[in-house]
Amino acid sequence: MDNAPLADLMVVSPKRKEMFLVDVKGLYRRNPWLVKRKDSRANLFFVLAYVPTSEPNQFFVMAQAQADKFIDDELRRFEATRQLSSNRD
């Protein structure tokens, strides 16, 4: 992998006394979320923050497994679209 940090935040649960990691991705206008696949960790979560200037803020929280599934789904959709367009040529 690259030299990027594993996550933006390291958090400790006050009840369970366990550490977990949070990677935050932010957008201020409607664009695709750019989330890179990371090595699998049970304690990694993503927060997608949509913070536009003229609308209410929205936050989406997901575990790494769910983010990985979204990445896989989008890659499959992209590949299917690409194959359809190449079959038309």
C-alpha atoms as a PDB file:
ATOM      1  CA  MET A   1       0.000   0.000   0.000  1.00  0.00           C
ATOM      2  CA  ASP A   2       0.986   3.664  -0.126  1.00  0.00           C
ATOM      3  CA  ASN A   3       2.282   5.928   2.636  1.00  0.00           C
ATOM      4  CA  ALA A   4      -1.147   7.318   3.532  1.00  0.00           C
ATOM      5  CA  PRO A   5      -2.265   6.979   7.145  1.00  0.00           C
ATOM      6  CA  LEU A   6      -4.457   4.015   7.951  1.00  0.00           C
ATOM      7  CA  ALA A   7      -7.257   6.234   9.259  1.00  0.00           C
ATOM      8  CA  ASP A   8      -8.037   9.806  10.248  1.00  0.00           C
ATOM      9  CA  LEU A   9      -9.081   9.053  13.830  1.00  0.00           C
ATOM     10  CA  MET A  10      -8.198   6.497  16.494  1.00  0.00           C
ATOM     11  CA  VAL A  11     -11.083   6.176  18.935  1.00  0.00           C
ATOM     12  CA  VAL A  12     -11.487   4.244  22.185  1.00  0.00           C
ATOM     13  CA  SER A  13     -14.902   2.965  23.216  1.00  0.00           C
ATOM     14  CA  PRO A  14     -15.545   4.159  26.789  1.00  0.00           C
ATOM     15  CA  LYS A  15     -17.606   1.055  27.635  1.00  0.00           C
ATOM     16  CA  ARG A  16     -15.688  -1.731  25.922  1.00  0.00           C
ATOM     17  CA  LYS A  17     -12.249  -0.115  26.233  1.00  0.00           C
ATOM     18  CA  GLU A  18     -11.486  -1.169  22.657  1.00  0.00           C
ATOM     19  CA  MET A  19      -9.821   0.959  20.027  1.00  0.00           C
ATOM     20  CA  PHE A  20     -11.270   1.397  16.567  1.00  0.00           C
ATOM     21  CA  LEU A  21     -10.260   3.432  13.542  1.00  0.00           C
ATOM     22  CA  VAL A  22     -12.329   5.961  11.602  1.00  0.00           C
ATOM     23  CA  ASP A  23     -11.540   7.142   8.089  1.00  0.00           C
ATOM     24  CA  VAL A  24     -13.461  10.302   7.151  1.00  0.00           C
ATOM     25  CA  LYS A  25     -14.238  11.327   3.563  1.00  0.00           C
ATOM     26  CA  GLY A  26     -15.866  14.686   2.951  1.00  0.00           C
ATOM     27  CA  LEU A  27     -17.673  16.358   0.071  1.00  0.00           C
ATOM     28  CA  TYR A  28     -19.257  19.797  -0.197  1.00  0.00           C
ATOM     29  CA  ARG A  29     -20.996  19.148  -3.533  1.00  0.00           C
ATOM     30  CA  ARG A  30     -22.497  16.056  -5.135  1.00  0.00           C
ATOM     31  CA  ASN A  31     -19.643  13.983  -6.520  1.00  0.00           C
ATOM     32  CA  PRO A  32     -18.640  10.330  -6.283  1.00  0.00           C
ATOM     33  CA  TRP A  33     -17.074   9.275  -3.000  1.00  0.00           C
ATOM     34  CA  LEU A  34     -13.441   8.351  -3.630  1.00  0.00           C
ATOM     35  CA  VAL A  35     -12.749   5.535  -1.188  1.00  0.00           C
ATOM     36  CA  LYS A  36      -9.704   3.331  -1.666  1.00  0.00           C
ATOM     37  CA  ARG A  37      -9.689  -0.296  -0.638  1.00  0.00           C
ATOM     38  CA  LYS A  38      -7.607  -0.892   2.492  1.00  0.00           C
ATOM     39  CA  ASP A  39      -6.196  -3.989   4.123  1.00  0.00           C
ATOM     40  CA  SER A  40      -9.008  -5.759   5.950  1.00  0.00           C
ATOM     41  CA  ARG A  41      -9.471  -4.774   9.609  1.00  0.00           C
ATOM     42  CA  ALA A  42     -12.332  -5.660  11.920  1.00  0.00           C
ATOM     43  CA  ASN A  43     -12.077  -2.312  13.680  1.00  0.00           C
ATOM     44  CA  LEU A  44     -12.104   0.106  10.721  1.00  0.00           C
ATOM     45  CA  PHE A  45     -15.117   2.307  10.009  1.00  0.00           C
ATOM     46  CA  PHE A  46     -15.807   4.986   7.416  1.00  0.00           C
ATOM     47  CA  VAL A  47     -17.706   8.234   7.866  1.00  0.00           C
ATOM     48  CA  LEU A  48     -18.808   9.895   4.636  1.00  0.00           C
ATOM     49  CA  ALA A  49     -19.612  13.530   5.368  1.00  0.00           C
ATOM     50  CA  TYR A  50     -21.633  15.557   2.884  1.00  0.00           C
ATOM     51  CA  VAL A  51     -21.393  19.199   3.992  1.00  0.00           C
ATOM     52  CA  PRO A  52     -22.895  21.463   1.314  1.00  0.00           C
ATOM     53  CA  THR A  53     -23.125  25.212   1.775  1.00  0.00           C
ATOM     54  CA  SER A  54     -26.881  25.508   1.133  1.00  0.00           C
ATOM     55  CA  GLU A  55     -28.331  22.197   2.394  1.00  0.00           C
ATOM     56  CA  PRO A  56     -28.303  20.326   5.700  1.00  0.00           C
ATOM     57  CA  ASN A  57     -25.216  18.228   6.397  1.00  0.00           C
ATOM     58  CA  GLN A  58     -25.498  14.455   5.999  1.00  0.00           C
ATOM     59  CA  PHE A  59     -23.297  11.760   7.511  1.00  0.00           C
ATOM     60  CA  PHE A  60     -23.094   8.100   6.507  1.00  0.00           C
ATOM     61  CA  VAL A  61     -21.313   5.613   8.763  1.00  0.00           C
ATOM     62  CA  MET A  62     -20.305   2.130   7.680  1.00  0.00           C
ATOM     63  CA  ALA A  63     -18.002  -0.693   8.627  1.00  0.00           C
ATOM     64  CA  GLN A  64     -15.118  -1.568   6.338  1.00  0.00           C
ATOM     65  CA  ALA A  65     -16.905  -4.699   5.081  1.00  0.00           C
ATOM     66  CA  GLN A  66     -19.816  -2.590   3.846  1.00  0.00           C
ATOM     67  CA  ALA A  67     -17.464  -0.084   2.181  1.00  0.00           C
ATOM     68  CA  ASP A  68     -15.623  -2.956   0.473  1.00  0.00           C
ATOM     69  CA  LYS A  69     -18.948  -4.309  -0.806  1.00  0.00           C
ATOM     70  CA  PHE A  70     -19.856  -0.901  -2.261  1.00  0.00           C
ATOM     71  CA  ILE A  71     -16.433  -0.729  -3.961  1.00  0.00           C
ATOM     72  CA  ASP A  72     -16.888  -4.229  -5.416  1.00  0.00           C
ATOM     73  CA  ASP A  73     -20.432  -3.424  -6.600  1.00  0.00           C
ATOM     74  CA  GLU A  74     -19.276  -0.237  -8.347  1.00  0.00           C
ATOM     75  CA  LEU A  75     -16.312  -2.000  -9.984  1.00  0.00           C
ATOM     76  CA  ARG A  76     -18.656  -4.715 -11.311  1.00  0.00           C
ATOM     77  CA  ARG A  77     -21.098  -2.067 -12.576  1.00  0.00           C
ATOM     78  CA  PHE A  78     -18.258  -0.170 -14.257  1.00  0.00           C
ATOM     79  CA  GLU A  79     -16.922  -3.349 -15.893  1.00  0.00           C
ATOM     80  CA  ALA A  80     -20.395  -4.329 -17.162  1.00  0.00           C
ATOM     81  CA  THR A  81     -20.910  -0.840 -18.620  1.00  0.00           C
ATOM     82  CA  ARG A  82     -17.487  -0.950 -20.251  1.00  0.00           C
ATOM     83  CA  GLN A  83     -18.194  -4.362 -21.795  1.00  0.00           C
ATOM     84  CA  LEU A  84     -21.551  -3.153 -23.141  1.00  0.00           C
ATOM     85  CA  SER A  85     -19.946  -0.138 -24.786  1.00  0.00           C
ATOM     86  CA  SER A  86     -17.111  -2.215 -26.298  1.00  0.00           C
ATOM     87  CA  ASN A  87     -19.643  -4.705 -27.714  1.00  0.00           C
ATOM     88  CA  ARG A  88     -21.353  -1.848 -29.551  1.00  0.00           C
ATOM     89  CA  ASP A  89     -18.142  -0.928 -31.372  1.00  0.00           C
END
